[in-house]
């Protein structure tokens, strides 16, 4: 059902239900442009407060059938529903008429528990909203909660649906979130607004249009794993609203701030990206501790590979081929404070690369000590094994963001824009100069003299600071396939 000409503003709590904010009628009257120059969301296409027997549509009220076992709840914007054993919340037969080319759908969601690291193929998922022309899914990813949107049809390939995917790192359990998915079919543009914050832009697949069909719309609220004994995640759903026009993130934020009795969750770790700024990290370096320009075959006494399928030194660079996770360690312990720099040249716009620093066994042993559990080169061994470290992604292809974490515990300490993937999407080929600086409790990451992430470990919020030195390495996740590293230089910090 054409619902949502992708008026998907998935704003976890529709604009209409925001306490103290003007409702849809006032929006239709004001119309026009926002202060940021974007068209304001306006005419109502569909709205429903969970628990109420009818939804509003342009053709009049539509009866809503509540699923067996669904239970009432409350969210900051009013009524909400929790799912019964089957996972259903409600459904309705609606007639929406033509679907607009630009629109926004919003609603509130609350996870019954925090997500965990799901084994591959065991990720829990729920179709929060589904109809014949649109589906919005919530998925427990390996490292995040993912919002997938699928609907309409691409103009360049009418048999293929329009797609968008948004990574939301670590939504907390039992916390209400307001989401909004907005779309522009003519431009092939999908965006997600989380609690009034515009999220990174997904990879564009081209313009799309809806089939303008109407019919059944259903809501569900139980994220179920496809098999196994893993416990599902209950999702409560708050008011849902679909409007014409392109929602403005700043206006959504202002509405949310006017809700009494609800504090907007902190942004760090939930989508807010650090600013990119000038930063010549290499200029901080002094005496050279180690360097390798890969002009000779790889020395296994210097570089220790775990899980690598193929490592080849060619054309003056180290080419890493992998279709599984691959770890490459420098086989020497570095001091606590240092500057490391290297060139990265991904073969394609795909994959995830991570730098690991200050790695040691959790008991203070070296990472190659026989008492430390032997590794096979997987990412899980870094975050869930017996190592402690800091690590940061610096190329994430089309994801749009890079994460800095602290282990053990997979603790997210900061997010930044992807400085390499975004430039490759704009046509740049590389190589790209990457720099990481550790000085005491502070870590900075930069690419081509542009700092995109910084973290100051206070020793309290995320546990004790990792003191002393440790080991340095790179992790290329399974989908990176092929990337070249070159011109590695590690220096002491200048006094």
Protein backbone atom coordinates (compact mmCIF):
# COMPACT_ATOMS: atom_id res chain seq x y z
CA UNK A 1 0.00 0.00 0.00
CA UNK A 2 1.43 3.07 -1.14
CA UNK A 3 1.41 4.54 2.19
CA UNK A 4 4.36 6.75 2.51
CA UNK A 5 5.46 7.92 -0.63
CA UNK A 6 7.98 7.34 1.67
CA UNK A 7 6.82 9.95 3.74
CA UNK A 8 8.94 8.14 6.00
CA UNK A 9 10.00 10.34 8.70
CA UNK A 10 10.31 7.59 11.06
CA UNK A 11 10.59 10.08 13.78
CA UNK A 12 10.08 7.79 16.61
CA UNK A 13 7.29 9.82 17.87
CA UNK A 14 5.30 11.69 15.38
CA UNK A 15 5.41 15.42 15.07
CA UNK A 16 1.70 15.56 15.47
CA UNK A 17 1.83 14.10 18.96
CA UNK A 18 4.55 16.30 20.36
CA UNK A 19 3.28 17.98 23.49
CA UNK A 20 3.00 21.71 23.22
CA UNK A 21 3.77 21.71 19.47
CA UNK A 22 1.39 22.67 16.67
CA UNK A 23 -0.43 19.70 15.15
CA UNK A 24 -0.86 18.78 11.49
CA UNK A 25 -3.59 21.32 10.88
CA UNK A 26 -1.37 24.16 12.04
CA UNK A 27 1.45 22.79 9.90
CA UNK A 28 -0.77 22.76 6.83
CA UNK A 29 -1.71 26.35 7.44
CA UNK A 30 1.86 27.51 7.94
CA UNK A 31 3.41 25.43 5.12
CA UNK A 32 6.28 27.18 3.36
CA UNK A 33 9.97 26.76 4.03
CA UNK A 34 11.92 26.25 7.20
CA UNK A 35 14.73 28.49 8.38
CA UNK A 36 17.20 26.04 6.86
CA UNK A 37 15.55 26.39 3.47
CA UNK A 38 13.82 23.02 3.47
CA UNK A 39 10.16 22.49 2.73
CA UNK A 40 8.19 22.09 5.92
CA UNK A 41 6.29 18.85 6.51
CA UNK A 42 2.61 19.64 6.16
CA UNK A 43 -0.45 17.79 4.86
CA UNK A 44 -1.48 14.71 6.78
CA UNK A 45 -1.53 11.38 4.89
CA UNK A 46 -1.91 8.98 7.79
CA UNK A 47 -1.84 9.32 11.57
CA UNK A 48 -2.64 6.98 14.41
CA UNK A 49 -2.17 6.90 18.16
CA UNK A 50 -1.65 3.27 19.24
CA UNK A 51 -4.56 2.11 21.33
CA UNK A 52 -7.11 4.25 19.50
CA UNK A 53 -9.69 2.40 17.36
CA UNK A 54 -9.31 4.61 14.29
CA UNK A 55 -6.57 6.15 12.18
CA UNK A 56 -6.88 9.41 10.26
CA UNK A 57 -6.50 9.38 6.48
CA UNK A 58 -7.35 11.89 3.72
CA UNK A 59 -10.47 9.84 2.90
CA UNK A 60 -11.69 9.84 6.48
CA UNK A 61 -11.33 7.65 9.59
CA UNK A 62 -10.07 4.10 9.07
CA UNK A 63 -10.83 1.37 11.64
CA UNK A 64 -7.74 -0.10 13.29
CA UNK A 65 -7.71 -3.70 14.52
CA UNK A 66 -5.51 -4.21 17.56
CA UNK A 67 -3.59 -7.50 17.58
CA UNK A 68 -4.41 -10.16 20.15
CA UNK A 69 -2.32 -9.76 23.28
CA UNK A 70 -1.09 -6.23 22.48
CA UNK A 71 -0.87 -4.18 25.66
CA UNK A 72 -1.20 -0.48 26.38
CA UNK A 73 1.86 1.61 27.21
CA UNK A 74 2.72 5.29 27.45
CA UNK A 75 5.33 7.27 25.60
CA UNK A 76 6.32 10.97 25.83
CA UNK A 77 3.82 11.79 23.08
CA UNK A 78 0.85 9.87 24.45
CA UNK A 79 -0.52 6.38 23.97
CA UNK A 80 1.62 3.43 22.87
CA UNK A 81 1.36 -0.34 22.46
CA UNK A 82 3.53 -3.26 23.48
CA UNK A 83 3.31 -6.48 21.46
CA UNK A 84 1.70 -9.69 22.54
CA UNK A 85 3.34 -13.13 22.22
CA UNK A 86 2.90 -13.15 18.45
CA UNK A 87 4.59 -9.80 18.03
CA UNK A 88 1.73 -8.00 16.27
CA UNK A 89 0.50 -4.58 17.35
CA UNK A 90 -2.29 -3.55 14.98
CA UNK A 91 -3.43 -3.38 11.37
CA UNK A 92 -5.80 -1.31 9.27
CA UNK A 93 -7.32 -1.24 5.79
CA UNK A 94 -6.68 2.24 4.40
CA UNK A 95 -7.15 4.25 1.24
CA UNK A 96 -4.53 6.94 0.96
CA UNK A 97 -4.89 8.14 -2.61
CA UNK A 98 -1.82 9.30 -4.52
CA UNK A 99 1.43 9.22 -2.61
CA UNK A 100 3.46 12.45 -2.62
CA UNK A 101 6.96 12.55 -4.10
CA UNK A 102 8.27 14.12 -0.90
CA UNK A 103 7.16 13.05 2.52
CA UNK A 104 7.93 12.15 6.11
CA UNK A 105 6.79 9.36 8.44
CA UNK A 106 7.37 9.61 12.15
CA UNK A 107 6.85 7.45 15.22
CA UNK A 108 8.19 6.65 18.68
CA UNK A 109 9.93 3.38 19.55
CA UNK A 110 11.26 1.83 22.75
CA UNK A 111 13.34 -1.35 22.93
CA UNK A 112 12.53 -3.64 25.85
CA UNK A 113 16.24 -4.38 26.30
CA UNK A 114 19.53 -3.25 24.85
CA UNK A 115 20.78 -5.12 21.83
CA UNK A 116 23.79 -7.42 22.06
CA UNK A 117 26.39 -8.72 19.64
CA UNK A 118 24.31 -11.15 17.61
CA UNK A 119 26.06 -14.07 15.89
CA UNK A 120 25.99 -13.88 12.10
CA UNK A 121 22.58 -15.03 10.87
CA UNK A 122 21.04 -14.63 14.32
CA UNK A 123 20.18 -10.93 14.23
CA UNK A 124 16.73 -10.19 15.65
CA UNK A 125 14.45 -8.14 13.37
CA UNK A 126 10.93 -6.75 13.26
CA UNK A 127 8.82 -5.14 10.53
CA UNK A 128 7.72 -2.05 12.44
CA UNK A 129 5.58 -0.89 9.54
CA UNK A 130 4.68 -2.81 6.41
CA UNK A 131 2.33 -2.37 3.49
CA UNK A 132 2.32 -3.28 -0.20
CA UNK A 133 4.65 -0.43 -1.15
CA UNK A 134 6.79 0.12 1.93
CA UNK A 135 8.50 -1.74 4.74
CA UNK A 136 10.44 -0.28 7.68
CA UNK A 137 12.48 -2.82 9.62
CA UNK A 138 14.40 -2.60 12.88
CA UNK A 139 17.36 -5.00 12.97
CA UNK A 140 19.82 -5.97 15.70
CA UNK A 141 23.13 -5.73 13.83
CA UNK A 142 26.58 -6.98 14.74
CA UNK A 143 27.45 -3.56 16.07
CA UNK A 144 24.29 -1.48 16.07
CA UNK A 145 20.58 -1.19 15.63
CA UNK A 146 19.85 -0.79 11.95
CA UNK A 147 16.82 0.85 10.39
CA UNK A 148 16.13 -0.55 6.91
CA UNK A 149 13.64 1.09 4.58
CA UNK A 150 12.41 -0.66 1.45
CA UNK A 151 9.64 0.55 -0.82
CA UNK A 152 8.50 2.14 -4.04
CA UNK A 153 10.33 1.21 -7.26
CA UNK A 154 13.47 2.60 -8.84
CA UNK A 155 12.97 4.59 -12.02
CA UNK A 156 16.05 3.03 -13.63
CA UNK A 157 14.90 -0.51 -12.76
CA UNK A 158 11.16 -0.72 -11.99
CA UNK A 159 11.52 -4.28 -10.78
CA UNK A 160 13.87 -3.23 -7.98
CA UNK A 161 12.69 -1.53 -4.77
CA UNK A 162 14.20 1.69 -3.44
CA UNK A 163 16.39 0.95 -0.43
CA UNK A 164 18.03 2.81 2.44
CA UNK A 165 19.80 1.62 5.57
CA UNK A 166 20.74 3.60 8.68
CA UNK A 167 23.09 2.43 11.43
CA UNK A 168 22.14 3.60 14.94
CA UNK A 169 24.90 2.62 17.29
CA UNK A 170 23.70 1.25 20.60
CA UNK A 171 20.18 2.42 21.28
CA UNK A 172 19.56 1.90 24.96
CA UNK A 173 16.91 -0.46 26.24
CA UNK A 174 13.77 0.96 27.91
CA UNK A 175 14.41 4.41 26.44
CA UNK A 176 11.97 6.17 24.12
CA UNK A 177 13.38 7.44 20.83
CA UNK A 178 11.82 9.69 18.26
CA UNK A 179 12.69 8.79 14.69
CA UNK A 180 11.81 10.29 11.37
CA UNK A 181 12.51 9.00 7.90
CA UNK A 182 12.06 11.56 5.18
CA UNK A 183 12.30 11.00 1.44
CA UNK A 184 12.44 12.75 -1.90
CA UNK A 185 11.59 10.31 -4.69
CA UNK A 186 12.67 12.55 -7.56
CA UNK A 187 16.16 12.92 -6.06
CA UNK A 188 16.37 9.37 -4.73
CA UNK A 189 17.02 10.84 -1.30
CA UNK A 190 16.37 9.10 2.01
CA UNK A 191 17.37 10.55 5.39
CA UNK A 192 16.79 9.56 8.98
CA UNK A 193 16.30 12.01 11.83
CA UNK A 194 16.93 10.53 15.29
CA UNK A 195 15.75 12.68 18.21
CA UNK A 196 16.01 15.76 16.01
CA UNK A 197 19.52 14.93 14.72
CA UNK A 198 20.02 14.27 11.00
CA UNK A 199 21.91 11.01 10.49
CA UNK A 200 24.60 10.27 7.87
CA UNK A 201 23.34 10.00 4.32
CA UNK A 202 23.05 6.46 2.96
CA UNK A 203 24.33 5.30 -0.39
CA UNK A 204 21.98 6.67 -3.13
CA UNK A 205 20.37 4.18 -5.52
CA UNK A 206 18.57 6.65 -7.79
CA UNK A 207 15.14 8.23 -8.14
CA UNK A 208 12.05 6.21 -7.29
CA UNK A 209 8.28 6.40 -7.33
CA UNK A 210 5.42 4.68 -5.54
CA UNK A 211 2.86 2.51 -7.23
CA UNK A 212 0.03 4.41 -5.55
CA UNK A 213 -1.65 1.26 -4.36
CA UNK A 214 -3.68 1.17 -1.18
CA UNK A 215 -4.56 -1.64 1.14
CA UNK A 216 -3.48 -3.13 4.44
CA UNK A 217 -0.95 -1.48 6.74
CA UNK A 218 0.41 -3.49 9.66
CA UNK A 219 2.54 -2.68 12.70
CA UNK A 220 4.62 -5.18 14.67
CA UNK A 221 6.81 -4.89 17.74
CA UNK A 222 8.85 -8.02 18.39
CA UNK A 223 12.39 -8.31 17.03
CA UNK A 224 12.78 -12.05 16.53
CA UNK A 225 15.96 -13.97 15.66
CA UNK A 226 15.49 -16.23 12.63
CA UNK A 227 16.39 -19.35 14.64
CA UNK A 228 18.07 -20.56 17.79
CA UNK A 229 17.37 -19.81 21.43
CA UNK A 230 18.16 -16.11 21.52
CA UNK A 231 15.62 -14.02 23.36
CA UNK A 232 13.56 -11.65 21.14
CA UNK A 233 13.48 -7.92 21.78
CA UNK A 234 10.14 -6.30 22.52
CA UNK A 235 9.55 -2.96 20.77
CA UNK A 236 6.86 -0.58 21.99
CA UNK A 237 5.39 1.73 19.36
CA UNK A 238 4.14 5.26 19.98
CA UNK A 239 2.09 7.62 17.75
CA UNK A 240 2.65 7.31 14.01
CA UNK A 241 2.24 10.13 11.53
CA UNK A 242 2.86 10.45 7.82
CA UNK A 243 2.86 13.90 6.23
CA UNK A 244 3.71 15.46 2.90
CA UNK A 245 6.88 17.51 2.60
CA UNK A 246 10.42 17.20 3.89
CA UNK A 247 10.76 17.36 7.69
CA UNK A 248 13.44 19.74 8.99
CA UNK A 249 15.69 18.26 11.68
CA UNK A 250 16.06 21.54 13.60
CA UNK A 251 12.29 21.97 13.76
CA UNK A 252 11.84 18.38 14.94
CA UNK A 253 14.40 19.04 17.66
CA UNK A 254 12.59 22.18 18.80
CA UNK A 255 9.33 20.24 19.06
CA UNK A 256 10.96 17.50 21.09
CA UNK A 257 12.54 19.99 23.47
CA UNK A 258 9.07 21.30 24.31
CA UNK A 259 7.85 17.95 25.61
CA UNK A 260 7.47 18.10 29.36
CA UNK A 261 8.77 15.24 31.48
CA UNK A 262 11.03 13.74 28.80
CA UNK A 263 14.76 14.33 28.50
CA UNK A 264 16.17 13.82 25.01
CA UNK A 265 18.75 10.99 25.28
CA UNK A 266 22.39 12.08 25.00
CA UNK A 267 23.66 12.16 21.44
CA UNK A 268 27.11 10.63 21.83
CA UNK A 269 26.99 7.11 20.55
CA UNK A 270 23.62 7.68 18.94
CA UNK A 271 24.40 9.42 15.71
CA UNK A 272 25.98 12.78 16.39
CA UNK A 273 29.24 13.11 14.48
CA UNK A 274 32.31 15.02 15.52
CA UNK A 275 33.32 17.96 13.31
CA UNK A 276 36.15 17.66 10.80
CA UNK A 277 38.93 20.16 11.40
CA UNK A 278 42.51 20.88 10.35
CA UNK A 279 44.99 18.76 12.27
CA UNK A 280 48.55 17.92 11.24
CA UNK A 281 49.10 14.92 13.48
CA UNK A 282 52.37 13.92 11.83
CA UNK A 283 53.89 17.25 12.84
CA UNK A 284 53.63 16.09 16.46
CA UNK A 285 56.04 13.23 15.83
CA UNK A 286 59.71 13.15 16.72
CA UNK A 287 62.14 10.21 16.74
CA UNK A 288 61.15 7.36 14.41
CA UNK A 289 60.35 4.14 16.29
CA UNK A 290 59.41 2.04 13.26
CA UNK A 291 58.86 2.43 9.52
CA UNK A 292 58.08 0.15 6.59
CA UNK A 293 57.60 1.14 2.96
CA UNK A 294 56.97 -2.50 1.91
CA UNK A 295 59.69 -2.62 -0.69
CA UNK A 296 60.66 -6.17 0.33
CA UNK A 297 58.67 -9.34 1.08
CA UNK A 298 56.74 -9.22 4.33
CA UNK A 299 58.82 -10.34 7.29
CA UNK A 300 56.69 -12.62 9.54
CA UNK A 301 58.97 -11.81 12.47
CA UNK A 302 57.86 -8.14 12.16
CA UNK A 303 54.25 -8.51 10.99
CA UNK A 304 51.97 -11.19 12.46
CA UNK A 305 48.90 -12.00 10.39
CA UNK A 306 45.79 -13.63 11.86
CA UNK A 307 43.02 -14.77 9.53
CA UNK A 308 44.57 -13.23 6.40
CA UNK A 309 43.88 -15.16 3.20
CA UNK A 310 46.59 -13.47 1.16
CA UNK A 311 49.20 -10.80 1.89
CA UNK A 312 51.23 -9.65 -1.10
CA UNK A 313 53.94 -6.99 -1.34
CA UNK A 314 53.71 -5.52 -4.81
CA UNK A 315 54.39 -2.17 -6.45
CA UNK A 316 55.86 -0.90 -3.20
CA UNK A 317 52.80 -1.58 -1.05
CA UNK A 318 51.22 -4.30 1.11
CA UNK A 319 48.07 -5.65 -0.52
CA UNK A 320 45.67 -7.38 1.88
CA UNK A 321 43.20 -9.77 0.24
CA UNK A 322 40.45 -11.04 2.52
CA UNK A 323 36.89 -12.32 2.43
CA UNK A 324 36.96 -13.10 6.16
CA UNK A 325 38.06 -10.85 9.02
CA UNK A 326 41.82 -10.27 9.01
CA UNK A 327 44.14 -8.94 11.74
CA UNK A 328 47.68 -7.73 11.10
CA UNK A 329 49.83 -6.91 14.14
CA UNK A 330 53.15 -5.15 14.43
CA UNK A 331 55.20 -7.57 16.51
CA UNK A 332 56.61 -5.08 18.97
CA UNK A 333 55.23 -3.24 21.95
CA UNK A 334 54.95 0.53 21.49
CA UNK A 335 55.17 3.15 24.23
CA UNK A 336 51.98 4.72 25.49
CA UNK A 337 52.49 7.97 23.55
CA UNK A 338 53.16 7.87 19.82
CA UNK A 339 52.12 9.08 16.35
CA UNK A 340 51.41 6.43 13.72
CA UNK A 341 50.80 7.26 10.05
CA UNK A 342 50.16 5.13 6.95
CA UNK A 343 48.55 5.25 3.51
CA UNK A 344 45.35 3.33 2.76
CA UNK A 345 44.08 2.60 -0.75
CA UNK A 346 40.81 0.60 -0.79
CA UNK A 347 40.24 -1.26 -4.04
CA UNK A 348 36.53 -0.48 -3.98
CA UNK A 349 33.86 1.36 -2.01
CA UNK A 350 33.17 -1.60 0.24
CA UNK A 351 34.27 -2.85 3.63
CA UNK A 352 35.42 -1.64 7.03
CA UNK A 353 38.97 -0.98 8.25
CA UNK A 354 39.96 -0.46 11.89
CA UNK A 355 43.16 0.56 13.67
CA UNK A 356 43.89 -1.00 17.07
CA UNK A 357 46.25 0.57 19.58
CA UNK A 358 47.54 0.01 23.10
CA UNK A 359 46.45 -3.63 22.89
CA UNK A 360 47.44 -5.92 25.76
CA UNK A 361 46.04 -8.99 27.46
CA UNK A 362 43.48 -8.09 30.13
CA UNK A 363 45.86 -9.48 32.77
CA UNK A 364 48.68 -7.23 31.54
CA UNK A 365 50.41 -9.85 29.40
CA UNK A 366 51.55 -9.22 25.82
CA UNK A 367 49.07 -10.16 23.10
CA UNK A 368 51.32 -13.03 21.93
CA UNK A 369 51.91 -14.44 25.42
CA UNK A 370 50.99 -18.17 25.56
CA UNK A 371 48.55 -17.42 28.39
CA UNK A 372 46.51 -15.12 26.12
CA UNK A 373 43.83 -16.94 24.16
CA UNK A 374 44.93 -17.74 20.62
CA UNK A 375 43.14 -15.71 17.94
CA UNK A 376 41.93 -16.47 14.42
CA UNK A 377 41.78 -12.88 13.25
CA UNK A 378 38.11 -12.03 13.88
CA UNK A 379 36.62 -8.78 15.11
CA UNK A 380 34.79 -10.62 17.89
CA UNK A 381 38.17 -11.61 19.36
CA UNK A 382 39.04 -7.94 19.72
CA UNK A 383 35.88 -6.79 21.48
CA UNK A 384 34.83 -10.00 23.25
CA UNK A 385 38.13 -11.81 23.80
CA UNK A 386 40.75 -11.38 26.48
CA UNK A 387 42.40 -8.23 25.11
CA UNK A 388 42.09 -4.64 26.25
CA UNK A 389 42.62 -1.90 23.68
CA UNK A 390 41.37 1.25 22.04
CA UNK A 391 40.33 1.01 18.42
CA UNK A 392 38.76 3.15 15.73
CA UNK A 393 37.28 2.58 12.27
CA UNK A 394 38.54 5.01 9.65
CA UNK A 395 37.04 3.65 6.43
CA UNK A 396 33.45 2.42 6.50
CA UNK A 397 32.52 2.62 2.81
CA UNK A 398 28.93 3.92 2.52
CA UNK A 399 27.96 3.74 6.21
CA UNK A 400 28.72 7.42 6.69
CA UNK A 401 30.24 7.24 10.18
CA UNK A 402 33.30 5.92 12.01
CA UNK A 403 33.32 4.73 15.62
CA UNK A 404 35.94 4.89 18.35
CA UNK A 405 35.69 2.19 21.00
CA UNK A 406 37.35 0.92 24.13
CA UNK A 407 37.69 -2.72 25.14
CA UNK A 408 36.95 -4.93 26.91
CA UNK A 409 33.26 -4.21 26.71
CA UNK A 410 32.78 -2.83 23.18
CA UNK A 411 32.35 0.64 24.71
CA UNK A 412 31.47 3.32 22.19
CA UNK A 413 33.39 6.49 23.09
CA UNK A 414 32.82 8.65 20.02
CA UNK A 415 31.59 8.89 16.44
CA UNK A 416 32.93 10.80 13.48
CA UNK A 417 32.23 11.16 9.77
CA UNK A 418 33.85 8.63 7.46
CA UNK A 419 36.69 10.68 5.91
CA UNK A 420 37.59 8.12 3.23
CA UNK A 421 34.26 6.59 2.19
CA UNK A 422 32.66 10.00 1.68
CA UNK A 423 35.51 11.13 -0.57
CA UNK A 424 35.44 7.91 -2.58
CA UNK A 425 31.70 8.40 -3.14
CA UNK A 426 32.59 11.84 -4.53
CA UNK A 427 34.99 10.23 -7.01
CA UNK A 428 38.38 10.40 -5.23
CA UNK A 429 40.64 7.38 -5.62
CA UNK A 430 43.30 7.80 -2.92
CA UNK A 431 45.61 6.76 -1.40
CA UNK A 432 44.59 8.48 1.83
CA UNK A 433 47.05 9.39 4.61
CA UNK A 434 45.79 8.18 8.00
CA UNK A 435 47.19 9.40 11.34
CA UNK A 436 46.46 8.29 14.89
CA UNK A 437 47.95 10.09 17.90
CA UNK A 438 47.93 8.90 21.48
CA UNK A 439 49.13 11.26 24.20
CA UNK A 440 48.27 10.15 27.73
CA UNK A 441 44.53 9.68 27.97
CA UNK A 442 43.82 11.46 24.66
CA UNK A 443 43.49 9.87 21.21
CA UNK A 444 43.07 11.75 17.91
CA UNK A 445 42.35 10.37 14.43
CA UNK A 446 42.87 12.24 11.16
CA UNK A 447 42.94 11.62 7.42
CA UNK A 448 44.88 13.91 5.10
CA UNK A 449 45.38 16.44 7.93
CA UNK A 450 41.69 16.55 8.76
CA UNK A 451 40.83 15.38 12.27
CA UNK A 452 37.50 13.56 12.38
CA UNK A 453 37.57 11.94 15.84
CA UNK A 454 39.00 12.70 19.26
CA UNK A 455 38.57 11.01 22.63
CA UNK A 456 39.71 12.01 26.11
CA UNK A 457 39.48 9.06 28.50
CA UNK A 458 38.67 10.43 31.95
CA UNK A 459 39.20 7.05 33.61
CA UNK A 460 35.71 7.16 35.10
CA UNK A 461 32.91 7.06 32.56
CA UNK A 462 34.39 4.16 30.56
CA UNK A 463 36.46 2.52 33.28
CA UNK A 464 40.18 2.96 34.05
CA UNK A 465 42.47 4.41 31.40
CA UNK A 466 44.58 1.82 29.59
CA UNK A 467 47.95 2.81 31.04
CA UNK A 468 51.34 2.07 29.59
CA UNK A 469 52.14 0.92 26.08
CA UNK A 470 50.77 -1.87 23.96
CA UNK A 471 50.56 -3.39 20.50
CA UNK A 472 49.44 -1.77 17.26
CA UNK A 473 47.50 -3.43 14.45
CA UNK A 474 44.89 -3.23 11.72
CA UNK A 475 41.67 -5.13 11.31
CA UNK A 476 40.08 -5.47 7.87
CA UNK A 477 36.58 -6.87 8.10
CA UNK A 478 35.40 -9.63 5.78
CA UNK A 479 33.79 -7.36 3.17
CA UNK A 480 36.84 -5.18 2.59
CA UNK A 481 38.09 -7.75 0.03
CA UNK A 482 41.20 -5.87 -1.05
CA UNK A 483 43.09 -2.82 0.22
CA UNK A 484 46.68 -1.59 0.05
CA UNK A 485 48.69 -0.23 3.00
CA UNK A 486 51.94 1.66 2.48
CA UNK A 487 54.47 4.07 4.00
CA UNK A 488 53.99 3.18 7.66
CA UNK A 489 55.84 5.49 10.07
CA UNK A 490 55.53 5.39 13.86
CA UNK A 491 57.21 8.13 15.88
CA UNK A 492 57.60 9.18 19.47
CA UNK A 493 55.71 12.29 20.42
CA UNK A 494 57.66 15.50 20.62
CA UNK A 495 58.00 16.92 24.12
